Amino acid sequence: MDLQISVFLLFILFTAGHSLSCYECTGLKGSCAGQTVKTCPSGSSQCQSLTMVMQFGNISRKVKMKDCAPACDSGSTNLGTSKSTTSCCDTDLCNVQDAPDHPSTLPNGKKCFSCDGQSCSTVSCSGTEDRCATATAIYGDQSLLLKGCISKSLCDAAVTAFNNFNLGSISCCEGNLCNGDQSNGAQSVSQSFLFLCCSLLSYFLLH
């Protein structure tokens, strides 16, 4: 009995002192080839990987990010001109693989309006994208209207990020095409601002 108690206490001490390790990288050019190992700070219990693919006209950009996270929800978004996928796990160095560029190419039957700040259309949602999102991102004296498909888990995380960092506002709804098609109140913006906004969104989803 004493041996069992001793082993149990040692196990508790070991697990209490163990810090999660995750891969970390910020690949603004689409690669995490130089990823490093990071010992996560207290309070971070998961590893996270994000891939965002953006297409504006004939300009394409891919962003990959990895880091520790205090909380993480796997899911994806489709804003028409940009798509992102987030993968989460909770063991040491489990985020070695990049999040996929596209989580699923099979439409799930849901459709949402998609706006990129200049025009609106409709997109077919896929995978776990079970909500339509409407976001107004604020940068300086400019506002950008974004709409599209999103997983519920990522919408909840985005609402928290927008509120905590005063990025603007975001809301999600469940019905087909429930996020409307009006684009009033958003100024036309340059491609560079769209890139900046998407990069900021991906950063805050990872923290």
N, C-alpha and C. Protein backbone atom coordinates (compact mmCIF):
# COMPACT_ATOMS: atom_id res chain seq x y z
N MET A 1 0.83 -1.21 0.00
CA MET A 1 0.00 0.00 0.00
C MET A 1 0.86 1.26 0.00
N ASP A 2 1.92 1.27 0.83
CA ASP A 2 2.81 2.43 0.88
C ASP A 2 3.46 2.67 -0.47
N LEU A 3 3.83 1.60 -1.18
CA LEU A 3 4.45 1.73 -2.50
C LEU A 3 3.47 2.35 -3.48
N GLN A 4 2.22 1.90 -3.44
CA GLN A 4 1.21 2.45 -4.34
C GLN A 4 1.00 3.93 -4.09
N ILE A 5 0.96 4.33 -2.82
CA ILE A 5 0.78 5.74 -2.49
C ILE A 5 1.97 6.57 -2.97
N SER A 6 3.18 6.03 -2.78
CA SER A 6 4.39 6.74 -3.21
C SER A 6 4.39 6.94 -4.72
N VAL A 7 4.04 5.89 -5.48
CA VAL A 7 3.99 5.98 -6.94
C VAL A 7 2.95 7.00 -7.37
N PHE A 8 1.81 7.00 -6.70
CA PHE A 8 0.73 7.94 -7.03
C PHE A 8 1.18 9.38 -6.80
N LEU A 9 1.84 9.63 -5.66
CA LEU A 9 2.32 10.98 -5.36
C LEU A 9 3.37 11.45 -6.35
N LEU A 10 4.26 10.53 -6.74
CA LEU A 10 5.28 10.89 -7.73
C LEU A 10 4.63 11.25 -9.07
N PHE A 11 3.59 10.50 -9.43
CA PHE A 11 2.87 10.77 -10.68
C PHE A 11 2.23 12.16 -10.64
N ILE A 12 1.60 12.50 -9.51
CA ILE A 12 0.98 13.81 -9.37
C ILE A 12 2.01 14.92 -9.48
N LEU A 13 3.14 14.74 -8.81
CA LEU A 13 4.20 15.75 -8.84
C LEU A 13 4.76 15.92 -10.25
N PHE A 14 4.91 14.82 -10.96
CA PHE A 14 5.46 14.88 -12.32
C PHE A 14 4.51 15.60 -13.26
N THR A 15 3.23 15.23 -13.23
CA THR A 15 2.27 15.85 -14.14
C THR A 15 2.04 17.31 -13.80
N ALA A 16 2.10 17.65 -12.51
CA ALA A 16 1.88 19.04 -12.11
C ALA A 16 3.01 19.94 -12.60
N GLY A 17 4.22 19.39 -12.69
CA GLY A 17 5.35 20.19 -13.10
C GLY A 17 5.62 20.15 -14.59
N HIS A 18 4.83 19.41 -15.35
CA HIS A 18 5.07 19.26 -16.78
C HIS A 18 4.45 20.41 -17.56
N SER A 19 5.23 21.04 -18.42
CA SER A 19 4.74 22.10 -19.28
C SER A 19 4.59 21.58 -20.70
N LEU A 20 3.51 21.95 -21.32
CA LEU A 20 3.25 21.53 -22.70
C LEU A 20 4.24 22.20 -23.64
N SER A 21 4.70 21.46 -24.64
CA SER A 21 5.58 22.00 -25.67
C SER A 21 4.87 21.93 -27.02
N CYS A 22 4.95 23.01 -27.78
CA CYS A 22 4.31 23.07 -29.09
C CYS A 22 5.29 23.65 -30.11
N TYR A 23 5.03 23.36 -31.37
CA TYR A 23 5.78 24.01 -32.43
C TYR A 23 5.24 25.43 -32.61
N GLU A 24 6.16 26.35 -32.93
CA GLU A 24 5.79 27.75 -33.11
C GLU A 24 6.35 28.25 -34.43
N CYS A 25 5.53 28.97 -35.18
CA CYS A 25 6.03 29.60 -36.41
C CYS A 25 5.04 30.66 -36.87
N THR A 26 5.52 31.61 -37.64
CA THR A 26 4.68 32.58 -38.32
C THR A 26 5.16 32.62 -39.76
N GLY A 27 4.50 31.87 -40.61
CA GLY A 27 4.91 31.77 -42.01
C GLY A 27 4.05 32.65 -42.89
N LEU A 28 4.45 33.93 -43.03
CA LEU A 28 3.68 34.87 -43.83
C LEU A 28 3.83 34.63 -45.32
N LYS A 29 4.77 33.75 -45.69
CA LYS A 29 4.96 33.41 -47.11
C LYS A 29 4.52 31.98 -47.41
N GLY A 30 3.72 31.39 -46.50
CA GLY A 30 3.11 30.10 -46.78
C GLY A 30 3.89 28.90 -46.35
N SER A 31 4.94 29.07 -45.54
CA SER A 31 5.75 27.93 -45.11
C SER A 31 6.07 28.02 -43.62
N CYS A 32 6.04 26.86 -42.95
CA CYS A 32 6.47 26.77 -41.56
C CYS A 32 7.74 25.93 -41.47
N ALA A 33 8.57 26.01 -42.50
CA ALA A 33 9.79 25.20 -42.56
C ALA A 33 10.73 25.53 -41.41
N GLY A 34 10.71 26.76 -40.92
CA GLY A 34 11.62 27.15 -39.84
C GLY A 34 10.99 27.09 -38.47
N GLN A 35 10.00 26.22 -38.29
CA GLN A 35 9.29 26.17 -37.01
C GLN A 35 10.23 25.76 -35.88
N THR A 36 9.98 26.30 -34.70
CA THR A 36 10.80 26.02 -33.52
C THR A 36 9.92 25.43 -32.43
N VAL A 37 10.56 24.85 -31.42
CA VAL A 37 9.84 24.27 -30.29
C VAL A 37 9.71 25.32 -29.20
N LYS A 38 8.53 25.46 -28.65
CA LYS A 38 8.24 26.45 -27.62
C LYS A 38 7.67 25.78 -26.38
N THR A 39 8.19 26.10 -25.22
CA THR A 39 7.60 25.64 -23.97
C THR A 39 6.46 26.60 -23.63
N CYS A 40 5.27 26.07 -23.55
CA CYS A 40 4.09 26.92 -23.39
C CYS A 40 4.04 27.55 -22.00
N PRO A 41 3.55 28.77 -21.91
CA PRO A 41 3.40 29.42 -20.60
C PRO A 41 2.27 28.78 -19.80
N SER A 42 2.25 29.03 -18.53
CA SER A 42 1.19 28.52 -17.67
C SER A 42 -0.17 28.99 -18.18
N GLY A 43 -1.11 28.08 -18.24
CA GLY A 43 -2.44 28.42 -18.74
C GLY A 43 -2.69 27.97 -20.15
N SER A 44 -1.63 27.67 -20.90
CA SER A 44 -1.80 27.14 -22.26
C SER A 44 -1.85 25.63 -22.21
N SER A 45 -2.95 25.08 -22.65
CA SER A 45 -3.15 23.63 -22.54
C SER A 45 -3.27 22.94 -23.89
N GLN A 46 -3.14 23.70 -24.99
CA GLN A 46 -3.28 23.11 -26.32
C GLN A 46 -2.27 23.68 -27.29
N CYS A 47 -2.01 22.91 -28.33
CA CYS A 47 -1.19 23.37 -29.46
C CYS A 47 -2.13 23.65 -30.63
N GLN A 48 -1.78 24.63 -31.43
CA GLN A 48 -2.66 25.07 -32.49
C GLN A 48 -1.90 25.29 -33.79
N SER A 49 -2.57 25.03 -34.89
CA SER A 49 -2.00 25.28 -36.21
C SER A 49 -3.08 25.92 -37.08
N LEU A 50 -2.71 26.96 -37.82
CA LEU A 50 -3.67 27.67 -38.67
C LEU A 50 -3.09 27.85 -40.05
N THR A 51 -3.90 27.63 -41.07
CA THR A 51 -3.53 27.92 -42.45
C THR A 51 -4.60 28.80 -43.07
N MET A 52 -4.20 29.91 -43.66
CA MET A 52 -5.14 30.82 -44.33
C MET A 52 -4.69 31.01 -45.77
N VAL A 53 -5.61 30.83 -46.70
CA VAL A 53 -5.35 31.02 -48.12
C VAL A 53 -6.21 32.16 -48.62
N MET A 54 -5.59 33.18 -49.23
CA MET A 54 -6.31 34.36 -49.71
C MET A 54 -6.08 34.53 -51.21
N GLN A 55 -7.13 34.92 -51.92
CA GLN A 55 -7.05 35.13 -53.36
C GLN A 55 -7.80 36.40 -53.71
N PHE A 56 -7.10 37.42 -54.20
CA PHE A 56 -7.70 38.67 -54.64
C PHE A 56 -7.27 38.92 -56.08
N GLY A 57 -8.18 38.67 -57.01
CA GLY A 57 -7.83 38.80 -58.42
C GLY A 57 -6.76 37.78 -58.77
N ASN A 58 -5.66 38.26 -59.34
CA ASN A 58 -4.57 37.34 -59.70
C ASN A 58 -3.49 37.29 -58.62
N ILE A 59 -3.77 37.86 -57.45
CA ILE A 59 -2.82 37.84 -56.33
C ILE A 59 -3.26 36.78 -55.32
N SER A 60 -2.34 35.88 -54.98
CA SER A 60 -2.63 34.82 -54.03
C SER A 60 -1.63 34.87 -52.89
N ARG A 61 -2.11 34.58 -51.68
CA ARG A 61 -1.23 34.58 -50.53
C ARG A 61 -1.66 33.50 -49.56
N LYS A 62 -0.67 32.82 -48.97
CA LYS A 62 -0.95 31.78 -47.97
C LYS A 62 -0.18 32.11 -46.69
N VAL A 63 -0.86 32.02 -45.56
CA VAL A 63 -0.26 32.29 -44.26
C VAL A 63 -0.39 31.04 -43.39
N LYS A 64 0.70 30.65 -42.74
CA LYS A 64 0.67 29.51 -41.82
C LYS A 64 1.17 29.97 -40.45
N MET A 65 0.47 29.56 -39.39
CA MET A 65 0.86 29.94 -38.04
C MET A 65 0.70 28.76 -37.09
N LYS A 66 1.61 28.66 -36.12
CA LYS A 66 1.54 27.64 -35.08
C LYS A 66 1.93 28.27 -33.75
N ASP A 67 1.31 27.79 -32.66
CA ASP A 67 1.64 28.35 -31.35
C ASP A 67 0.92 27.55 -30.26
N CYS A 68 1.23 27.92 -29.01
CA CYS A 68 0.48 27.42 -27.86
C CYS A 68 -0.83 28.19 -27.79
N ALA A 69 -1.82 27.62 -27.13
CA ALA A 69 -3.10 28.30 -27.00
C ALA A 69 -3.73 27.95 -25.65
N PRO A 70 -4.30 28.94 -24.96
CA PRO A 70 -5.00 28.64 -23.71
C PRO A 70 -6.28 27.86 -23.98
N ALA A 71 -6.88 28.09 -25.12
CA ALA A 71 -8.07 27.37 -25.55
C ALA A 71 -8.06 27.36 -27.06
N CYS A 72 -8.56 26.30 -27.65
CA CYS A 72 -8.49 26.16 -29.10
C CYS A 72 -9.67 25.36 -29.59
N ASP A 73 -10.20 25.75 -30.74
CA ASP A 73 -11.31 25.02 -31.35
C ASP A 73 -10.98 24.78 -32.81
N SER A 74 -11.04 23.53 -33.22
CA SER A 74 -10.80 23.19 -34.63
C SER A 74 -12.00 23.63 -35.46
N GLY A 75 -11.73 24.06 -36.67
CA GLY A 75 -12.81 24.48 -37.55
C GLY A 75 -12.27 25.20 -38.77
N SER A 76 -13.17 25.80 -39.55
CA SER A 76 -12.75 26.48 -40.77
C SER A 76 -13.68 27.63 -41.09
N THR A 77 -13.20 28.53 -41.95
CA THR A 77 -14.00 29.65 -42.45
C THR A 77 -13.83 29.74 -43.96
N ASN A 78 -14.84 30.28 -44.62
CA ASN A 78 -14.80 30.52 -46.06
C ASN A 78 -15.45 31.86 -46.32
N LEU A 79 -14.62 32.87 -46.60
CA LEU A 79 -15.11 34.21 -46.88
C LEU A 79 -15.07 34.52 -48.37
N GLY A 80 -15.02 33.46 -49.18
CA GLY A 80 -14.97 33.65 -50.62
C GLY A 80 -13.55 33.90 -51.09
N THR A 81 -13.02 35.09 -50.81
CA THR A 81 -11.66 35.42 -51.21
C THR A 81 -10.61 34.88 -50.25
N SER A 82 -11.02 34.42 -49.09
CA SER A 82 -10.08 33.84 -48.15
C SER A 82 -10.70 32.65 -47.43
N LYS A 83 -9.87 31.63 -47.20
CA LYS A 83 -10.30 30.44 -46.49
C LYS A 83 -9.26 30.12 -45.42
N SER A 84 -9.71 29.71 -44.24
CA SER A 84 -8.78 29.37 -43.17
C SER A 84 -9.21 28.10 -42.47
N THR A 85 -8.23 27.37 -41.97
CA THR A 85 -8.46 26.13 -41.23
C THR A 85 -7.65 26.15 -39.95
N THR A 86 -8.26 25.80 -38.84
CA THR A 86 -7.58 25.74 -37.55
C THR A 86 -7.64 24.31 -37.02
N SER A 87 -6.49 23.77 -36.62
CA SER A 87 -6.40 22.44 -36.03
C SER A 87 -5.86 22.55 -34.61
N CYS A 88 -6.43 21.80 -33.68
CA CYS A 88 -6.04 21.86 -32.26
C CYS A 88 -5.72 20.46 -31.74
N CYS A 89 -4.80 20.40 -30.76
CA CYS A 89 -4.44 19.14 -30.12
C CYS A 89 -3.85 19.44 -28.75
N ASP A 90 -3.66 18.43 -27.92
CA ASP A 90 -3.29 18.71 -26.53
C ASP A 90 -2.14 17.85 -25.99
N THR A 91 -1.26 17.36 -26.86
CA THR A 91 -0.09 16.62 -26.41
C THR A 91 1.18 17.30 -26.93
N ASP A 92 2.32 16.99 -26.33
CA ASP A 92 3.58 17.63 -26.71
C ASP A 92 3.86 17.51 -28.21
N LEU A 93 4.15 18.65 -28.82
CA LEU A 93 4.56 18.75 -30.23
C LEU A 93 3.57 18.10 -31.18
N CYS A 94 2.30 18.10 -30.81
CA CYS A 94 1.28 17.44 -31.64
C CYS A 94 0.91 18.27 -32.86
N ASN A 95 1.33 19.55 -32.91
CA ASN A 95 0.99 20.38 -34.07
C ASN A 95 2.10 20.41 -35.11
N VAL A 96 2.82 19.29 -35.22
CA VAL A 96 3.91 19.20 -36.20
C VAL A 96 3.37 19.33 -37.63
N GLN A 97 2.16 18.82 -37.88
CA GLN A 97 1.57 18.92 -39.22
C GLN A 97 0.87 20.27 -39.38
N ASP A 98 0.99 20.86 -40.57
CA ASP A 98 0.28 22.10 -40.85
C ASP A 98 -1.21 21.82 -40.94
N ALA A 99 -2.01 22.79 -40.54
CA ALA A 99 -3.45 22.70 -40.79
C ALA A 99 -3.66 22.64 -42.30
N PRO A 100 -4.62 21.85 -42.78
CA PRO A 100 -4.81 21.72 -44.23
C PRO A 100 -5.26 23.03 -44.87
N ASP A 101 -4.92 23.20 -46.14
CA ASP A 101 -5.36 24.39 -46.87
C ASP A 101 -6.88 24.44 -46.97
N HIS A 102 -7.47 23.29 -47.21
CA HIS A 102 -8.92 23.18 -47.33
C HIS A 102 -9.36 21.97 -46.53
N PRO A 103 -10.15 22.14 -45.46
CA PRO A 103 -10.55 21.01 -44.62
C PRO A 103 -11.44 20.02 -45.33
N SER A 104 -12.28 20.51 -46.21
CA SER A 104 -13.19 19.63 -46.94
C SER A 104 -13.64 20.35 -48.20
N THR A 105 -13.65 19.64 -49.31
CA THR A 105 -14.13 20.23 -50.56
C THR A 105 -15.57 19.83 -50.84
N LEU A 106 -16.17 19.04 -49.94
CA LEU A 106 -17.54 18.58 -50.13
C LEU A 106 -18.51 19.58 -49.51
N PRO A 107 -19.38 20.21 -50.30
CA PRO A 107 -20.37 21.13 -49.74
C PRO A 107 -21.27 20.41 -48.74
N ASN A 108 -21.64 21.10 -47.67
CA ASN A 108 -22.52 20.48 -46.67
C ASN A 108 -23.97 20.90 -46.84
N GLY A 109 -24.28 21.60 -47.93
CA GLY A 109 -25.66 21.99 -48.21
C GLY A 109 -26.01 23.40 -47.75
N LYS A 110 -25.13 24.02 -46.97
CA LYS A 110 -25.41 25.36 -46.47
C LYS A 110 -24.79 26.41 -47.38
N LYS A 111 -25.47 27.53 -47.54
CA LYS A 111 -24.95 28.64 -48.32
C LYS A 111 -25.01 29.92 -47.50
N CYS A 112 -24.02 30.78 -47.71
CA CYS A 112 -23.97 32.07 -47.02
C CYS A 112 -23.59 33.15 -48.01
N PHE A 113 -23.98 34.39 -47.69
CA PHE A 113 -23.48 35.51 -48.47
C PHE A 113 -22.02 35.75 -48.11
N SER A 114 -21.25 36.15 -49.10
CA SER A 114 -19.83 36.44 -48.90
C SER A 114 -19.53 37.83 -49.44
N CYS A 115 -18.88 38.66 -48.61
CA CYS A 115 -18.49 40.00 -49.02
C CYS A 115 -17.02 40.21 -48.73
N ASP A 116 -16.33 40.89 -49.62
CA ASP A 116 -14.90 41.11 -49.43
C ASP A 116 -14.55 42.58 -49.27
N GLY A 117 -15.55 43.42 -48.94
CA GLY A 117 -15.30 44.85 -48.79
C GLY A 117 -15.65 45.64 -50.03
N GLN A 118 -15.80 44.97 -51.17
CA GLN A 118 -16.10 45.66 -52.41
C GLN A 118 -17.36 45.14 -53.08
N SER A 119 -17.62 43.85 -52.98
CA SER A 119 -18.80 43.26 -53.60
C SER A 119 -19.24 42.04 -52.80
N CYS A 120 -20.49 41.62 -53.03
CA CYS A 120 -21.04 40.47 -52.32
C CYS A 120 -21.53 39.43 -53.32
N SER A 121 -21.44 38.15 -52.93
CA SER A 121 -21.94 37.04 -53.73
C SER A 121 -22.36 35.94 -52.75
N THR A 122 -22.52 34.73 -53.21
CA THR A 122 -22.84 33.61 -52.32
C THR A 122 -21.74 32.55 -52.41
N VAL A 123 -21.52 31.84 -51.31
CA VAL A 123 -20.55 30.74 -51.29
C VAL A 123 -21.22 29.51 -50.69
N SER A 124 -20.72 28.35 -51.09
CA SER A 124 -21.20 27.08 -50.53
C SER A 124 -20.30 26.69 -49.37
N CYS A 125 -20.88 26.42 -48.23
CA CYS A 125 -20.11 26.03 -47.05
C CYS A 125 -19.73 24.55 -47.15
N SER A 126 -18.68 24.17 -46.43
CA SER A 126 -18.23 22.78 -46.47
C SER A 126 -17.78 22.35 -45.09
N GLY A 127 -17.62 21.04 -44.91
CA GLY A 127 -17.12 20.50 -43.65
C GLY A 127 -17.98 20.91 -42.47
N THR A 128 -17.34 21.49 -41.45
CA THR A 128 -18.04 21.86 -40.22
C THR A 128 -18.53 23.30 -40.23
N GLU A 129 -18.49 23.95 -41.38
CA GLU A 129 -18.94 25.34 -41.48
C GLU A 129 -20.47 25.37 -41.42
N ASP A 130 -21.01 25.49 -40.21
CA ASP A 130 -22.45 25.39 -39.99
C ASP A 130 -23.09 26.73 -39.64
N ARG A 131 -22.36 27.82 -39.77
CA ARG A 131 -22.89 29.16 -39.48
C ARG A 131 -22.54 30.11 -40.61
N CYS A 132 -23.35 31.18 -40.74
CA CYS A 132 -23.02 32.30 -41.62
C CYS A 132 -22.53 33.44 -40.72
N ALA A 133 -21.48 34.12 -41.14
CA ALA A 133 -20.88 35.17 -40.32
C ALA A 133 -20.97 36.52 -41.01
N THR A 134 -21.11 37.57 -40.20
CA THR A 134 -21.03 38.95 -40.66
C THR A 134 -20.09 39.68 -39.72
N ALA A 135 -19.00 40.23 -40.26
CA ALA A 135 -18.03 40.93 -39.43
C ALA A 135 -17.72 42.30 -40.03
N THR A 136 -17.62 43.29 -39.17
CA THR A 136 -17.16 44.62 -39.57
C THR A 136 -15.84 44.88 -38.86
N ALA A 137 -14.76 44.86 -39.61
CA ALA A 137 -13.43 45.07 -39.04
C ALA A 137 -13.06 46.55 -39.14
N ILE A 138 -12.56 47.12 -38.05
CA ILE A 138 -12.20 48.53 -37.99
C ILE A 138 -10.69 48.67 -37.98
N TYR A 139 -10.17 49.52 -38.86
CA TYR A 139 -8.73 49.80 -38.89
C TYR A 139 -8.55 51.28 -39.15
N GLY A 140 -8.14 52.03 -38.12
CA GLY A 140 -8.03 53.47 -38.27
C GLY A 140 -9.39 54.08 -38.53
N ASP A 141 -9.52 54.82 -39.63
CA ASP A 141 -10.80 55.42 -39.97
C ASP A 141 -11.51 54.65 -41.07
N GLN A 142 -11.06 53.42 -41.33
CA GLN A 142 -11.68 52.59 -42.35
C GLN A 142 -12.42 51.42 -41.72
N SER A 143 -13.47 50.99 -42.40
CA SER A 143 -14.19 49.79 -41.97
C SER A 143 -14.31 48.83 -43.13
N LEU A 144 -14.24 47.56 -42.83
CA LEU A 144 -14.30 46.52 -43.86
C LEU A 144 -15.37 45.51 -43.49
N LEU A 145 -16.29 45.27 -44.41
CA LEU A 145 -17.35 44.30 -44.20
C LEU A 145 -16.93 42.95 -44.74
N LEU A 146 -16.96 41.93 -43.91
CA LEU A 146 -16.62 40.57 -44.30
C LEU A 146 -17.80 39.65 -43.99
N LYS A 147 -18.13 38.76 -44.93
CA LYS A 147 -19.20 37.80 -44.71
C LYS A 147 -18.78 36.46 -45.29
N GLY A 148 -19.34 35.38 -44.75
CA GLY A 148 -19.04 34.06 -45.28
C GLY A 148 -19.46 32.95 -44.35
N CYS A 149 -18.92 31.75 -44.60
CA CYS A 149 -19.21 30.56 -43.80
C CYS A 149 -18.19 30.43 -42.67
N ILE A 150 -18.62 29.85 -41.55
CA ILE A 150 -17.71 29.66 -40.42
C ILE A 150 -18.22 28.52 -39.54
N SER A 151 -17.30 27.81 -38.90
CA SER A 151 -17.67 26.81 -37.91
C SER A 151 -18.09 27.52 -36.63
N LYS A 152 -19.08 26.98 -35.92
CA LYS A 152 -19.58 27.61 -34.70
C LYS A 152 -18.45 27.85 -33.70
N SER A 153 -17.56 26.87 -33.54
CA SER A 153 -16.48 27.00 -32.55
C SER A 153 -15.58 28.18 -32.87
N LEU A 154 -15.29 28.41 -34.15
CA LEU A 154 -14.44 29.53 -34.53
C LEU A 154 -15.17 30.86 -34.42
N CYS A 155 -16.48 30.84 -34.63
CA CYS A 155 -17.25 32.06 -34.45
C CYS A 155 -17.20 32.51 -33.00
N ASP A 156 -17.36 31.57 -32.07
CA ASP A 156 -17.29 31.90 -30.65
C ASP A 156 -15.94 32.50 -30.29
N ALA A 157 -14.85 31.94 -30.85
CA ALA A 157 -13.50 32.46 -30.58
C ALA A 157 -13.32 33.83 -31.21
N ALA A 158 -13.86 34.04 -32.40
CA ALA A 158 -13.72 35.32 -33.09
C ALA A 158 -14.48 36.42 -32.35
N VAL A 159 -15.67 36.10 -31.83
CA VAL A 159 -16.44 37.09 -31.06
C VAL A 159 -15.63 37.57 -29.87
N THR A 160 -14.98 36.63 -29.17
CA THR A 160 -14.14 36.99 -28.01
C THR A 160 -12.98 37.87 -28.44
N ALA A 161 -12.30 37.51 -29.54
CA ALA A 161 -11.15 38.29 -30.02
C ALA A 161 -11.57 39.70 -30.43
N PHE A 162 -12.67 39.82 -31.17
CA PHE A 162 -13.14 41.13 -31.60
C PHE A 162 -13.46 42.02 -30.40
N ASN A 163 -14.09 41.43 -29.39
CA ASN A 163 -14.46 42.21 -28.21
C ASN A 163 -13.23 42.61 -27.40
N ASN A 164 -12.30 41.67 -27.21
CA ASN A 164 -11.12 41.93 -26.37
C ASN A 164 -10.17 42.94 -26.98
N PHE A 165 -10.07 42.95 -28.31
CA PHE A 165 -9.09 43.81 -28.97
C PHE A 165 -9.72 44.96 -29.75
N ASN A 166 -11.03 45.18 -29.55
CA ASN A 166 -11.73 46.29 -30.20
C ASN A 166 -11.50 46.31 -31.71
N LEU A 167 -11.65 45.14 -32.32
CA LEU A 167 -11.43 45.04 -33.77
C LEU A 167 -12.65 45.44 -34.57
N GLY A 168 -13.79 45.55 -33.92
CA GLY A 168 -15.04 45.81 -34.62
C GLY A 168 -16.12 44.93 -34.04
N SER A 169 -16.91 44.32 -34.90
CA SER A 169 -17.98 43.45 -34.42
C SER A 169 -18.13 42.25 -35.34
N ILE A 170 -18.64 41.16 -34.80
CA ILE A 170 -18.90 39.95 -35.59
C ILE A 170 -20.09 39.23 -35.00
N SER A 171 -20.92 38.68 -35.86
CA SER A 171 -22.07 37.89 -35.42
C SER A 171 -22.26 36.71 -36.36
N CYS A 172 -22.89 35.66 -35.85
CA CYS A 172 -23.12 34.45 -36.64
C CYS A 172 -24.58 34.03 -36.52
N CYS A 173 -25.08 33.36 -37.56
CA CYS A 173 -26.46 32.88 -37.56
C CYS A 173 -26.52 31.51 -38.23
N GLU A 174 -27.61 30.80 -38.03
CA GLU A 174 -27.71 29.41 -38.46
C GLU A 174 -28.45 29.20 -39.78
N GLY A 175 -29.37 30.07 -40.14
CA GLY A 175 -30.19 29.83 -41.33
C GLY A 175 -29.43 29.94 -42.64
N ASN A 176 -29.98 29.35 -43.69
CA ASN A 176 -29.37 29.43 -45.01
C ASN A 176 -29.44 30.88 -45.51
N LEU A 177 -28.31 31.44 -45.92
CA LEU A 177 -28.21 32.82 -46.40
C LEU A 177 -28.73 33.82 -45.36
N CYS A 178 -28.57 33.48 -44.08
CA CYS A 178 -29.14 34.32 -43.01
C CYS A 178 -28.33 35.58 -42.74
N ASN A 179 -27.15 35.71 -43.35
CA ASN A 179 -26.32 36.90 -43.08
C ASN A 179 -26.54 38.01 -44.08
N GLY A 180 -27.66 37.96 -44.84
CA GLY A 180 -28.05 39.06 -45.71
C GLY A 180 -27.05 39.36 -46.80
N ASP A 181 -27.40 40.25 -47.71
CA ASP A 181 -26.50 40.59 -48.81
C ASP A 181 -26.19 42.07 -48.89
N GLN A 182 -26.64 42.84 -47.88
CA GLN A 182 -26.37 44.28 -47.93
C GLN A 182 -24.92 44.56 -47.57
N SER A 183 -24.31 45.50 -48.25
CA SER A 183 -22.92 45.87 -47.97
C SER A 183 -22.80 47.34 -47.57
N ASN A 184 -23.91 47.94 -47.10
CA ASN A 184 -23.87 49.35 -46.71
C ASN A 184 -22.99 49.54 -45.48
N GLY A 185 -22.32 50.68 -45.40
CA GLY A 185 -21.55 51.02 -44.21
C GLY A 185 -20.10 50.59 -44.27
N ALA A 186 -19.71 49.91 -45.33
CA ALA A 186 -18.31 49.49 -45.42
C ALA A 186 -17.67 50.19 -46.62
N GLN A 187 -16.53 50.77 -46.42
CA GLN A 187 -15.84 51.46 -47.49
C GLN A 187 -15.10 50.46 -48.37
N SER A 188 -14.91 50.83 -49.63
CA SER A 188 -14.03 50.03 -50.47
C SER A 188 -12.61 50.20 -49.98
N VAL A 189 -11.87 49.11 -49.97
CA VAL A 189 -10.52 49.17 -49.42
C VAL A 189 -9.54 48.52 -50.38
N SER A 190 -8.27 48.80 -50.17
CA SER A 190 -7.23 48.27 -51.05
C SER A 190 -6.90 46.83 -50.70
N GLN A 191 -6.26 46.14 -51.63
CA GLN A 191 -5.85 44.76 -51.39
C GLN A 191 -4.88 44.68 -50.22
N SER A 192 -4.02 45.68 -50.06
CA SER A 192 -3.06 45.64 -48.96
C SER A 192 -3.78 45.67 -47.62
N PHE A 193 -4.86 46.43 -47.52
CA PHE A 193 -5.62 46.47 -46.28
C PHE A 193 -6.32 45.14 -46.04
N LEU A 194 -6.83 44.53 -47.10
CA LEU A 194 -7.47 43.22 -46.95
C LEU A 194 -6.46 42.21 -46.44
N PHE A 195 -5.25 42.22 -46.98
CA PHE A 195 -4.21 41.31 -46.50
C PHE A 195 -3.92 41.57 -45.02
N LEU A 196 -3.81 42.85 -44.66
CA LEU A 196 -3.51 43.19 -43.28
C LEU A 196 -4.62 42.72 -42.34
N CYS A 197 -5.86 42.95 -42.76
CA CYS A 197 -6.99 42.56 -41.92
C CYS A 197 -7.02 41.05 -41.71
N CYS A 198 -6.83 40.28 -42.78
CA CYS A 198 -6.84 38.83 -42.66
C CYS A 198 -5.69 38.34 -41.79
N SER A 199 -4.53 38.98 -41.89
CA SER A 199 -3.41 38.61 -41.04
C SER A 199 -3.71 38.89 -39.58
N LEU A 200 -4.35 40.04 -39.30
CA LEU A 200 -4.73 40.36 -37.93
C LEU A 200 -5.73 39.35 -37.39
N LEU A 201 -6.71 38.98 -38.21
CA LEU A 201 -7.71 38.01 -37.78
C LEU A 201 -7.06 36.68 -37.45
N SER A 202 -6.15 36.23 -38.30
CA SER A 202 -5.49 34.95 -38.03
C SER A 202 -4.65 35.02 -36.77
N TYR A 203 -4.00 36.19 -36.52
CA TYR A 203 -3.20 36.34 -35.30
C TYR A 203 -4.07 36.23 -34.06
N PHE A 204 -5.18 36.94 -34.05
CA PHE A 204 -6.01 36.95 -32.86
C PHE A 204 -6.73 35.62 -32.65
N LEU A 205 -6.99 34.87 -33.71
CA LEU A 205 -7.59 33.55 -33.54
C LEU A 205 -6.59 32.59 -32.91
N LEU A 206 -5.31 32.87 -33.03
CA LEU A 206 -4.29 32.00 -32.45
C LEU A 206 -3.91 32.40 -31.03
N HIS A 207 -4.43 33.50 -30.51
CA HIS A 207 -4.03 33.95 -29.18
C HIS A 207 -5.25 34.16 -28.29
